[in-house]
Amino acid sequence: MINKLKRTLTSLLPVEEGRTGECNNCGACCRLPFRCVFLKTTTDEDNEQKEYCSIYTVRPPNCRKFPRSPEEHNLVKDTCGFNFSEASEKSSTKKFIKIFPKS
């Protein structure tokens, strides 16, 4: 639940540099940490189950900007259509450590 709260609170921040790609409608972000109520299932012409966002065109910032950072991308990197360059992943880790120092 803490990741969901963090994702919502940081959604007002800009997307970090180095993100490339586009949404491929995999729905992985719609299951973090639990299934979104707007994620619907339908059957296509081949009788295969397909998932889709029922509010995609008006989705909130935390959905629209996901993944906002390489840290968030690591949660869905196997299926997500977005990517972050390796350089941005290293700089993101440094920023995170500076903001939240280990105690």
PDB file of N, CA and C in Angstrom:
ATOM      1  N   MET A   1       0.818  -1.194   0.000  1.00  0.00           N
ATOM      2  CA  MET A   1       0.000   0.000   0.000  1.00  0.00           C
ATOM      3  C   MET A   1       0.860   1.256   0.000  1.00  0.00           C
ATOM      4  N   ILE A   2       2.050   1.183   0.612  1.00  0.00           N
ATOM      5  CA  ILE A   2       2.921   2.354   0.666  1.00  0.00           C
ATOM      6  C   ILE A   2       3.379   2.753  -0.735  1.00  0.00           C
ATOM      7  N   ASN A   3       3.600   1.761  -1.627  1.00  0.00           N
ATOM      8  CA  ASN A   3       3.998   2.082  -2.999  1.00  0.00           C
ATOM      9  C   ASN A   3       2.886   2.799  -3.745  1.00  0.00           C
ATOM     10  N   LYS A   4       1.642   2.397  -3.521  1.00  0.00           N
ATOM     11  CA  LYS A   4       0.503   3.055  -4.159  1.00  0.00           C
ATOM     12  C   LYS A   4       0.402   4.506  -3.688  1.00  0.00           C
ATOM     13  N   LEU A   5       0.577   4.736  -2.402  1.00  0.00           N
ATOM     14  CA  LEU A   5       0.527   6.077  -1.843  1.00  0.00           C
ATOM     15  C   LEU A   5       1.662   6.926  -2.402  1.00  0.00           C
ATOM     16  N   LYS A   6       2.857   6.368  -2.444  1.00  0.00           N
ATOM     17  CA  LYS A   6       4.011   7.085  -2.988  1.00  0.00           C
ATOM     18  C   LYS A   6       3.777   7.438  -4.451  1.00  0.00           C
ATOM     19  N   ARG A   7       3.255   6.496  -5.218  1.00  0.00           N
ATOM     20  CA  ARG A   7       2.980   6.718  -6.639  1.00  0.00           C
ATOM     21  C   ARG A   7       1.969   7.842  -6.825  1.00  0.00           C
ATOM     22  N   THR A   8       0.951   7.894  -5.992  1.00  0.00           N
ATOM     23  CA  THR A   8      -0.067   8.938  -6.091  1.00  0.00           C
ATOM     24  C   THR A   8       0.515  10.296  -5.715  1.00  0.00           C
ATOM     25  N   LEU A   9       1.284  10.355  -4.644  1.00  0.00           N
ATOM     26  CA  LEU A   9       1.854  11.624  -4.203  1.00  0.00           C
ATOM     27  C   LEU A   9       2.897  12.173  -5.167  1.00  0.00           C
ATOM     28  N   THR A  10       3.682  11.307  -5.788  1.00  0.00           N
ATOM     29  CA  THR A  10       4.719  11.767  -6.716  1.00  0.00           C
ATOM     30  C   THR A  10       4.202  11.964  -8.136  1.00  0.00           C
ATOM     31  N   SER A  11       2.952  11.679  -8.387  1.00  0.00           N
ATOM     32  CA  SER A  11       2.417  11.808  -9.749  1.00  0.00           C
ATOM     33  C   SER A  11       2.375  13.249 -10.225  1.00  0.00           C
ATOM     34  N   LEU A  12       2.470  14.189  -9.323  1.00  0.00           N
ATOM     35  CA  LEU A  12       2.475  15.591  -9.715  1.00  0.00           C
ATOM     36  C   LEU A  12       3.862  16.057 -10.143  1.00  0.00           C
ATOM     37  N   LEU A  13       4.878  15.258  -9.867  1.00  0.00           N
ATOM     38  CA  LEU A  13       6.231  15.568 -10.305  1.00  0.00           C
ATOM     39  C   LEU A  13       6.383  15.208 -11.778  1.00  0.00           C
ATOM     40  N   PRO A  14       7.336  15.841 -12.478  1.00  0.00           N
ATOM     41  CA  PRO A  14       7.530  15.498 -13.893  1.00  0.00           C
ATOM     42  C   PRO A  14       8.121  14.107 -14.068  1.00  0.00           C
ATOM     43  N   VAL A  15       7.924  13.542 -15.251  1.00  0.00           N
ATOM     44  CA  VAL A  15       8.530  12.262 -15.596  1.00  0.00           C
ATOM     45  C   VAL A  15      10.030  12.497 -15.735  1.00  0.00           C
ATOM     46  N   GLU A  16      10.836  11.611 -15.161  1.00  0.00           N
ATOM     47  CA  GLU A  16      12.285  11.779 -15.223  1.00  0.00           C
ATOM     48  C   GLU A  16      12.798  11.639 -16.644  1.00  0.00           C
ATOM     49  N   GLU A  17      13.903  12.327 -16.915  1.00  0.00           N
ATOM     50  CA  GLU A  17      14.518  12.285 -18.241  1.00  0.00           C
ATOM     51  C   GLU A  17      14.978  10.868 -18.565  1.00  0.00           C
ATOM     52  N   GLY A  18      14.997  10.558 -19.841  1.00  0.00           N
ATOM     53  CA  GLY A  18      15.490   9.262 -20.277  1.00  0.00           C
ATOM     54  C   GLY A  18      14.414   8.242 -20.552  1.00  0.00           C
ATOM     55  N   ARG A  19      13.135   8.592 -20.349  1.00  0.00           N
ATOM     56  CA  ARG A  19      12.067   7.636 -20.630  1.00  0.00           C
ATOM     57  C   ARG A  19      11.768   7.649 -22.115  1.00  0.00           C
ATOM     58  N   THR A  20      11.715   6.479 -22.688  1.00  0.00           N
ATOM     59  CA  THR A  20      11.374   6.334 -24.103  1.00  0.00           C
ATOM     60  C   THR A  20      10.279   5.286 -24.238  1.00  0.00           C
ATOM     61  N   GLY A  21       9.683   5.220 -25.405  1.00  0.00           N
ATOM     62  CA  GLY A  21       8.653   4.224 -25.660  1.00  0.00           C
ATOM     63  C   GLY A  21       7.265   4.793 -25.465  1.00  0.00           C
ATOM     64  N   GLU A  22       6.308   3.907 -25.434  1.00  0.00           N
ATOM     65  CA  GLU A  22       4.916   4.320 -25.254  1.00  0.00           C
ATOM     66  C   GLU A  22       4.136   3.200 -24.580  1.00  0.00           C
ATOM     67  N   CYS A  23       2.958   3.552 -24.125  1.00  0.00           N
ATOM     68  CA  CYS A  23       2.114   2.573 -23.461  1.00  0.00           C
ATOM     69  C   CYS A  23       1.705   1.489 -24.454  1.00  0.00           C
ATOM     70  N   ASN A  24       1.908   0.242 -24.080  1.00  0.00           N
ATOM     71  CA  ASN A  24       1.508  -0.868 -24.950  1.00  0.00           C
ATOM     72  C   ASN A  24       0.268  -1.578 -24.406  1.00  0.00           C
ATOM     73  N   ASN A  25      -0.400  -0.931 -23.441  1.00  0.00           N
ATOM     74  CA  ASN A  25      -1.637  -1.455 -22.861  1.00  0.00           C
ATOM     75  C   ASN A  25      -1.463  -2.838 -22.236  1.00  0.00           C
ATOM     76  N   CYS A  26      -0.318  -3.061 -21.598  1.00  0.00           N
ATOM     77  CA  CYS A  26      -0.082  -4.364 -20.958  1.00  0.00           C
ATOM     78  C   CYS A  26      -0.898  -4.517 -19.673  1.00  0.00           C
ATOM     79  N   GLY A  27      -1.244  -3.399 -19.029  1.00  0.00           N
ATOM     80  CA  GLY A  27      -2.040  -3.450 -17.811  1.00  0.00           C
ATOM     81  C   GLY A  27      -1.252  -3.765 -16.554  1.00  0.00           C
ATOM     82  N   ALA A  28       0.062  -3.887 -16.659  1.00  0.00           N
ATOM     83  CA  ALA A  28       0.872  -4.215 -15.471  1.00  0.00           C
ATOM     84  C   ALA A  28       0.759  -3.130 -14.406  1.00  0.00           C
ATOM     85  N   CYS A  29       0.725  -1.879 -14.814  1.00  0.00           N
ATOM     86  CA  CYS A  29       0.615  -0.790 -13.838  1.00  0.00           C
ATOM     87  C   CYS A  29      -0.761  -0.766 -13.186  1.00  0.00           C
ATOM     88  N   CYS A  30      -1.737  -1.372 -13.824  1.00  0.00           N
ATOM     89  CA  CYS A  30      -3.106  -1.413 -13.294  1.00  0.00           C
ATOM     90  C   CYS A  30      -3.271  -2.456 -12.195  1.00  0.00           C
ATOM     91  N   ARG A  31      -2.227  -3.206 -11.924  1.00  0.00           N
ATOM     92  CA  ARG A  31      -2.287  -4.240 -10.885  1.00  0.00           C
ATOM     93  C   ARG A  31      -1.348  -3.939  -9.717  1.00  0.00           C
ATOM     94  N   LEU A  32      -0.887  -2.687  -9.604  1.00  0.00           N
ATOM     95  CA  LEU A  32       0.054  -2.319  -8.546  1.00  0.00           C
ATOM     96  C   LEU A  32      -0.647  -1.541  -7.456  1.00  0.00           C
ATOM     97  N   PRO A  33      -0.663  -1.935  -6.252  1.00  0.00           N
ATOM     98  CA  PRO A  33      -0.362  -3.258  -5.731  1.00  0.00           C
ATOM     99  C   PRO A  33      -1.575  -4.174  -5.785  1.00  0.00           C
ATOM    100  N   PHE A  34      -2.709  -3.648  -6.248  1.00  0.00           N
ATOM    101  CA  PHE A  34      -3.911  -4.470  -6.401  1.00  0.00           C
ATOM    102  C   PHE A  34      -4.592  -4.061  -7.702  1.00  0.00           C
ATOM    103  N   ARG A  35      -5.490  -4.878  -8.152  1.00  0.00           N
ATOM    104  CA  ARG A  35      -6.156  -4.651  -9.443  1.00  0.00           C
ATOM    105  C   ARG A  35      -7.011  -3.389  -9.400  1.00  0.00           C
ATOM    106  N   CYS A  36      -6.813  -2.518 -10.372  1.00  0.00           N
ATOM    107  CA  CYS A  36      -7.570  -1.271 -10.477  1.00  0.00           C
ATOM    108  C   CYS A  36      -9.028  -1.586 -10.846  1.00  0.00           C
ATOM    109  N   VAL A  37      -9.951  -0.831 -10.277  1.00  0.00           N
ATOM    110  CA  VAL A  37     -11.371  -1.064 -10.554  1.00  0.00           C
ATOM    111  C   VAL A  37     -11.744  -0.705 -11.991  1.00  0.00           C
ATOM    112  N   PHE A  38     -10.905   0.087 -12.668  1.00  0.00           N
ATOM    113  CA  PHE A  38     -11.197   0.488 -14.038  1.00  0.00           C
ATOM    114  C   PHE A  38     -10.598  -0.462 -15.080  1.00  0.00           C
ATOM    115  N   LEU A  39      -9.864  -1.468 -14.640  1.00  0.00           N
ATOM    116  CA  LEU A  39      -9.300  -2.469 -15.554  1.00  0.00           C
ATOM    117  C   LEU A  39     -10.387  -3.492 -15.873  1.00  0.00           C
ATOM    118  N   LYS A  40     -10.787  -3.544 -17.119  1.00  0.00           N
ATOM    119  CA  LYS A  40     -11.873  -4.426 -17.555  1.00  0.00           C
ATOM    120  C   LYS A  40     -11.329  -5.520 -18.467  1.00  0.00           C
ATOM    121  N   THR A  41     -12.085  -6.586 -18.599  1.00  0.00           N
ATOM    122  CA  THR A  41     -11.697  -7.721 -19.439  1.00  0.00           C
ATOM    123  C   THR A  41     -12.750  -7.936 -20.513  1.00  0.00           C
ATOM    124  N   THR A  42     -12.279  -8.230 -21.711  1.00  0.00           N
ATOM    125  CA  THR A  42     -13.167  -8.530 -22.827  1.00  0.00           C
ATOM    126  C   THR A  42     -12.597  -9.713 -23.596  1.00  0.00           C
ATOM    127  N   THR A  43     -13.363 -10.249 -24.500  1.00  0.00           N
ATOM    128  CA  THR A  43     -12.905 -11.354 -25.343  1.00  0.00           C
ATOM    129  C   THR A  43     -12.814 -10.853 -26.780  1.00  0.00           C
ATOM    130  N   ASP A  44     -11.681 -11.106 -27.432  1.00  0.00           N
ATOM    131  CA  ASP A  44     -11.524 -10.656 -28.812  1.00  0.00           C
ATOM    132  C   ASP A  44     -12.084 -11.687 -29.793  1.00  0.00           C
ATOM    133  N   GLU A  45     -11.887 -11.419 -31.097  1.00  0.00           N
ATOM    134  CA  GLU A  45     -12.446 -12.304 -32.127  1.00  0.00           C
ATOM    135  C   GLU A  45     -11.834 -13.703 -32.132  1.00  0.00           C
ATOM    136  N   ASP A  46     -10.632 -13.848 -31.549  1.00  0.00           N
ATOM    137  CA  ASP A  46      -9.994 -15.167 -31.444  1.00  0.00           C
ATOM    138  C   ASP A  46     -10.348 -15.866 -30.140  1.00  0.00           C
ATOM    139  N   ASN A  47     -11.322 -15.315 -29.418  1.00  0.00           N
ATOM    140  CA  ASN A  47     -11.794 -15.863 -28.155  1.00  0.00           C
ATOM    141  C   ASN A  47     -10.720 -15.817 -27.061  1.00  0.00           C
ATOM    142  N   GLU A  48      -9.810 -14.819 -27.167  1.00  0.00           N
ATOM    143  CA  GLU A  48      -8.776 -14.629 -26.159  1.00  0.00           C
ATOM    144  C   GLU A  48      -9.183 -13.487 -25.244  1.00  0.00           C
ATOM    145  N   GLN A  49      -8.848 -13.619 -23.973  1.00  0.00           N
ATOM    146  CA  GLN A  49      -9.152 -12.582 -22.990  1.00  0.00           C
ATOM    147  C   GLN A  49      -8.185 -11.405 -23.168  1.00  0.00           C
ATOM    148  N   LYS A  50      -8.710 -10.199 -23.250  1.00  0.00           N
ATOM    149  CA  LYS A  50      -7.916  -8.981 -23.358  1.00  0.00           C
ATOM    150  C   LYS A  50      -8.351  -8.037 -22.257  1.00  0.00           C
ATOM    151  N   GLU A  51      -7.385  -7.351 -21.666  1.00  0.00           N
ATOM    152  CA  GLU A  51      -7.703  -6.371 -20.635  1.00  0.00           C
ATOM    153  C   GLU A  51      -7.546  -4.966 -21.207  1.00  0.00           C
ATOM    154  N   TYR A  52      -8.324  -4.039 -20.678  1.00  0.00           N
ATOM    155  CA  TYR A  52      -8.243  -2.652 -21.123  1.00  0.00           C
ATOM    156  C   TYR A  52      -8.683  -1.720 -20.000  1.00  0.00           C
ATOM    157  N   CYS A  53      -8.221  -0.476 -20.080  1.00  0.00           N
ATOM    158  CA  CYS A  53      -8.598   0.534 -19.095  1.00  0.00           C
ATOM    159  C   CYS A  53      -9.870   1.210 -19.582  1.00  0.00           C
ATOM    160  N   SER A  54     -10.896   1.177 -18.755  1.00  0.00           N
ATOM    161  CA  SER A  54     -12.178   1.753 -19.158  1.00  0.00           C
ATOM    162  C   SER A  54     -12.192   3.283 -19.090  1.00  0.00           C
ATOM    163  N   ILE A  55     -11.167   3.894 -18.488  1.00  0.00           N
ATOM    164  CA  ILE A  55     -11.090   5.364 -18.431  1.00  0.00           C
ATOM    165  C   ILE A  55      -9.772   5.864 -19.028  1.00  0.00           C
ATOM    166  N   TYR A  56      -9.213   5.150 -19.984  1.00  0.00           N
ATOM    167  CA  TYR A  56      -7.879   5.442 -20.512  1.00  0.00           C
ATOM    168  C   TYR A  56      -7.730   6.898 -20.950  1.00  0.00           C
ATOM    169  N   THR A  57      -8.703   7.458 -21.643  1.00  0.00           N
ATOM    170  CA  THR A  57      -8.566   8.825 -22.155  1.00  0.00           C
ATOM    171  C   THR A  57      -8.627   9.886 -21.057  1.00  0.00           C
ATOM    172  N   VAL A  58      -9.188   9.558 -19.914  1.00  0.00           N
ATOM    173  CA  VAL A  58      -9.288  10.517 -18.810  1.00  0.00           C
ATOM    174  C   VAL A  58      -8.629   9.981 -17.532  1.00  0.00           C
ATOM    175  N   ARG A  59      -7.669   9.088 -17.674  1.00  0.00           N
ATOM    176  CA  ARG A  59      -7.027   8.480 -16.509  1.00  0.00           C
ATOM    177  C   ARG A  59      -6.263   9.538 -15.693  1.00  0.00           C
ATOM    178  N   PRO A  60      -6.134   9.329 -14.394  1.00  0.00           N
ATOM    179  CA  PRO A  60      -5.475  10.300 -13.516  1.00  0.00           C
ATOM    180  C   PRO A  60      -3.966  10.353 -13.743  1.00  0.00           C
ATOM    181  N   PRO A  61      -3.299  11.409 -13.216  1.00  0.00           N
ATOM    182  CA  PRO A  61      -1.855  11.572 -13.433  1.00  0.00           C
ATOM    183  C   PRO A  61      -1.005  10.384 -12.987  1.00  0.00           C
ATOM    184  N   ASN A  62      -1.369   9.726 -11.891  1.00  0.00           N
ATOM    185  CA  ASN A  62      -0.532   8.606 -11.447  1.00  0.00           C
ATOM    186  C   ASN A  62      -0.563   7.448 -12.438  1.00  0.00           C
ATOM    187  N   CYS A  63      -1.602   7.341 -13.239  1.00  0.00           N
ATOM    188  CA  CYS A  63      -1.647   6.333 -14.301  1.00  0.00           C
ATOM    189  C   CYS A  63      -0.989   6.872 -15.577  1.00  0.00           C
ATOM    190  N   ARG A  64      -1.297   8.100 -15.905  1.00  0.00           N
ATOM    191  CA  ARG A  64      -0.807   8.727 -17.137  1.00  0.00           C
ATOM    192  C   ARG A  64       0.717   8.806 -17.162  1.00  0.00           C
ATOM    193  N   LYS A  65       1.334   9.084 -16.037  1.00  0.00           N
ATOM    194  CA  LYS A  65       2.787   9.277 -15.981  1.00  0.00           C
ATOM    195  C   LYS A  65       3.560   8.021 -15.617  1.00  0.00           C
ATOM    196  N   PHE A  66       2.884   6.940 -15.347  1.00  0.00           N
ATOM    197  CA  PHE A  66       3.579   5.721 -14.931  1.00  0.00           C
ATOM    198  C   PHE A  66       4.248   5.054 -16.117  1.00  0.00           C
ATOM    199  N   PRO A  67       5.479   4.601 -16.012  1.00  0.00           N
ATOM    200  CA  PRO A  67       6.413   4.763 -14.915  1.00  0.00           C
ATOM    201  C   PRO A  67       7.088   6.129 -14.989  1.00  0.00           C
ATOM    202  N   ARG A  68       7.104   6.838 -13.884  1.00  0.00           N
ATOM    203  CA  ARG A  68       7.655   8.182 -13.826  1.00  0.00           C
ATOM    204  C   ARG A  68       9.163   8.161 -13.612  1.00  0.00           C
ATOM    205  N   SER A  69       9.680   7.076 -13.068  1.00  0.00           N
ATOM    206  CA  SER A  69      11.109   6.970 -12.767  1.00  0.00           C
ATOM    207  C   SER A  69      11.587   5.542 -13.043  1.00  0.00           C
ATOM    208  N   PRO A  70      12.902   5.366 -13.174  1.00  0.00           N
ATOM    209  CA  PRO A  70      13.429   4.005 -13.349  1.00  0.00           C
ATOM    210  C   PRO A  70      13.053   3.088 -12.187  1.00  0.00           C
ATOM    211  N   GLU A  71      12.944   3.646 -10.986  1.00  0.00           N
ATOM    212  CA  GLU A  71      12.548   2.846  -9.824  1.00  0.00           C
ATOM    213  C   GLU A  71      11.155   2.246 -10.037  1.00  0.00           C
ATOM    214  N   GLU A  72      10.210   3.056 -10.533  1.00  0.00           N
ATOM    215  CA  GLU A  72       8.869   2.546 -10.819  1.00  0.00           C
ATOM    216  C   GLU A  72       8.891   1.567 -11.988  1.00  0.00           C
ATOM    217  N   HIS A  73       9.716   1.843 -12.982  1.00  0.00           N
ATOM    218  CA  HIS A  73       9.791   0.968 -14.151  1.00  0.00           C
ATOM    219  C   HIS A  73      10.264  -0.428 -13.782  1.00  0.00           C
ATOM    220  N   ASN A  74      11.106  -0.532 -12.777  1.00  0.00           N
ATOM    221  CA  ASN A  74      11.603  -1.845 -12.346  1.00  0.00           C
ATOM    222  C   ASN A  74      10.475  -2.767 -11.889  1.00  0.00           C
ATOM    223  N   LEU A  75       9.350  -2.198 -11.473  1.00  0.00           N
ATOM    224  CA  LEU A  75       8.211  -3.004 -11.028  1.00  0.00           C
ATOM    225  C   LEU A  75       7.511  -3.714 -12.188  1.00  0.00           C
ATOM    226  N   VAL A  76       7.625  -3.153 -13.408  1.00  0.00           N
ATOM    227  CA  VAL A  76       6.877  -3.682 -14.556  1.00  0.00           C
ATOM    228  C   VAL A  76       7.739  -3.855 -15.801  1.00  0.00           C
ATOM    229  N   LYS A  77       9.059  -3.869 -15.644  1.00  0.00           N
ATOM    230  CA  LYS A  77       9.951  -3.833 -16.809  1.00  0.00           C
ATOM    231  C   LYS A  77       9.800  -5.010 -17.766  1.00  0.00           C
ATOM    232  N   ASP A  78       9.262  -6.123 -17.303  1.00  0.00           N
ATOM    233  CA  ASP A  78       9.120  -7.289 -18.178  1.00  0.00           C
ATOM    234  C   ASP A  78       8.020  -7.122 -19.217  1.00  0.00           C
ATOM    235  N   THR A  79       7.019  -6.285 -18.941  1.00  0.00           N
ATOM    236  CA  THR A  79       5.891  -6.152 -19.867  1.00  0.00           C
ATOM    237  C   THR A  79       5.644  -4.730 -20.363  1.00  0.00           C
ATOM    238  N   CYS A  80       6.141  -3.734 -19.663  1.00  0.00           N
ATOM    239  CA  CYS A  80       5.854  -2.327 -19.981  1.00  0.00           C
ATOM    240  C   CYS A  80       6.497  -1.903 -21.308  1.00  0.00           C
ATOM    241  N   GLY A  81       5.816  -1.034 -22.046  1.00  0.00           N
ATOM    242  CA  GLY A  81       6.325  -0.525 -23.313  1.00  0.00           C
ATOM    243  C   GLY A  81       7.304   0.625 -23.161  1.00  0.00           C
ATOM    244  N   PHE A  82       7.418   1.164 -21.950  1.00  0.00           N
ATOM    245  CA  PHE A  82       8.369   2.244 -21.698  1.00  0.00           C
ATOM    246  C   PHE A  82       9.703   1.669 -21.257  1.00  0.00           C
ATOM    247  N   ASN A  83      10.761   2.460 -21.460  1.00  0.00           N
ATOM    248  CA  ASN A  83      12.105   2.100 -21.024  1.00  0.00           C
ATOM    249  C   ASN A  83      12.795   3.345 -20.508  1.00  0.00           C
ATOM    250  N   PHE A  84      13.817   3.162 -19.714  1.00  0.00           N
ATOM    251  CA  PHE A  84      14.670   4.248 -19.260  1.00  0.00           C
ATOM    252  C   PHE A  84      16.089   3.920 -19.666  1.00  0.00           C
ATOM    253  N   SER A  85      16.833   4.966 -20.072  1.00  0.00           N
ATOM    254  CA  SER A  85      18.226   4.743 -20.437  1.00  0.00           C
ATOM    255  C   SER A  85      19.013   4.364 -19.190  1.00  0.00           C
ATOM    256  N   GLU A  86      20.117   3.666 -19.385  1.00  0.00           N
ATOM    257  CA  GLU A  86      20.920   3.211 -18.253  1.00  0.00           C
ATOM    258  C   GLU A  86      21.454   4.392 -17.452  1.00  0.00           C
ATOM    259  N   ALA A  87      21.811   5.484 -18.134  1.00  0.00           N
ATOM    260  CA  ALA A  87      22.333   6.671 -17.447  1.00  0.00           C
ATOM    261  C   ALA A  87      21.277   7.266 -16.520  1.00  0.00           C
ATOM    262  N   SER A  88      20.018   7.289 -16.965  1.00  0.00           N
ATOM    263  CA  SER A  88      18.963   7.860 -16.120  1.00  0.00           C
ATOM    264  C   SER A  88      18.675   6.969 -14.924  1.00  0.00           C
ATOM    265  N   GLU A  89      18.862   5.665 -15.061  1.00  0.00           N
ATOM    266  CA  GLU A  89      18.654   4.759 -13.937  1.00  0.00           C
ATOM    267  C   GLU A  89      19.685   5.012 -12.848  1.00  0.00           C
ATOM    268  N   LYS A  90      20.939   5.272 -13.240  1.00  0.00           N
ATOM    269  CA  LYS A  90      21.989   5.535 -12.259  1.00  0.00           C
ATOM    270  C   LYS A  90      21.761   6.869 -11.564  1.00  0.00           C
ATOM    271  N   SER A  91      21.383   7.902 -12.317  1.00  0.00           N
ATOM    272  CA  SER A  91      21.170   9.215 -11.701  1.00  0.00           C
ATOM    273  C   SER A  91      19.940   9.193 -10.802  1.00  0.00           C
ATOM    274  N   SER A  92      18.928   8.407 -11.138  1.00  0.00           N
ATOM    275  CA  SER A  92      17.731   8.303 -10.304  1.00  0.00           C
ATOM    276  C   SER A  92      18.068   7.699  -8.954  1.00  0.00           C
ATOM    277  N   THR A  93      18.931   6.705  -8.944  1.00  0.00           N
ATOM    278  CA  THR A  93      19.327   6.072  -7.692  1.00  0.00           C
ATOM    279  C   THR A  93      20.068   7.071  -6.816  1.00  0.00           C
ATOM    280  N   LYS A  94      20.925   7.878  -7.416  1.00  0.00           N
ATOM    281  CA  LYS A  94      21.656   8.876  -6.645  1.00  0.00           C
ATOM    282  C   LYS A  94      20.707   9.907  -6.048  1.00  0.00           C
ATOM    283  N   LYS A  95      19.719  10.366  -6.823  1.00  0.00           N
ATOM    284  CA  LYS A  95      18.752  11.338  -6.325  1.00  0.00           C
ATOM    285  C   LYS A  95      17.960  10.748  -5.169  1.00  0.00           C
ATOM    286  N   PHE A  96      17.553   9.509  -5.279  1.00  0.00           N
ATOM    287  CA  PHE A  96      16.752   8.859  -4.243  1.00  0.00           C
ATOM    288  C   PHE A  96      17.533   8.778  -2.941  1.00  0.00           C
ATOM    289  N   ILE A  97      18.801   8.452  -3.043  1.00  0.00           N
ATOM    290  CA  ILE A  97      19.636   8.323  -1.853  1.00  0.00           C
ATOM    291  C   ILE A  97      19.822   9.690  -1.184  1.00  0.00           C
ATOM    292  N   LYS A  98      19.981  10.748  -1.976  1.00  0.00           N
ATOM    293  CA  LYS A  98      20.156  12.071  -1.406  1.00  0.00           C
ATOM    294  C   LYS A  98      18.910  12.543  -0.682  1.00  0.00           C
ATOM    295  N   ILE A  99      17.746  12.241  -1.217  1.00  0.00           N
ATOM    296  CA  ILE A  99      16.487  12.681  -0.615  1.00  0.00           C
ATOM    297  C   ILE A  99      16.167  11.876   0.627  1.00  0.00           C
ATOM    298  N   PHE A 100      16.398  10.569   0.574  1.00  0.00           N
ATOM    299  CA  PHE A 100      16.072   9.680   1.677  1.00  0.00           C
ATOM    300  C   PHE A 100      17.345   8.993   2.171  1.00  0.00           C
ATOM    301  N   PRO A 101      18.178   9.687   2.956  1.00  0.00           N
ATOM    302  CA  PRO A 101      19.430   9.058   3.420  1.00  0.00           C
ATOM    303  C   PRO A 101      19.139   7.899   4.357  1.00  0.00           C
ATOM    304  N   LYS A 102      20.031   6.939   4.316  1.00  0.00           N
ATOM    305  CA  LYS A 102      19.882   5.780   5.203  1.00  0.00           C
ATOM    306  C   LYS A 102      20.153   6.211   6.629  1.00  0.00           C
ATOM    307  N   SER A 103      19.380   5.665   7.563  1.00  0.00           N
ATOM    308  CA  SER A 103      19.582   6.039   8.963  1.00  0.00           C
ATOM    309  C   SER A 103      20.428   5.052   9.698  1.00  0.00           C
TER     310      SER A 103
END
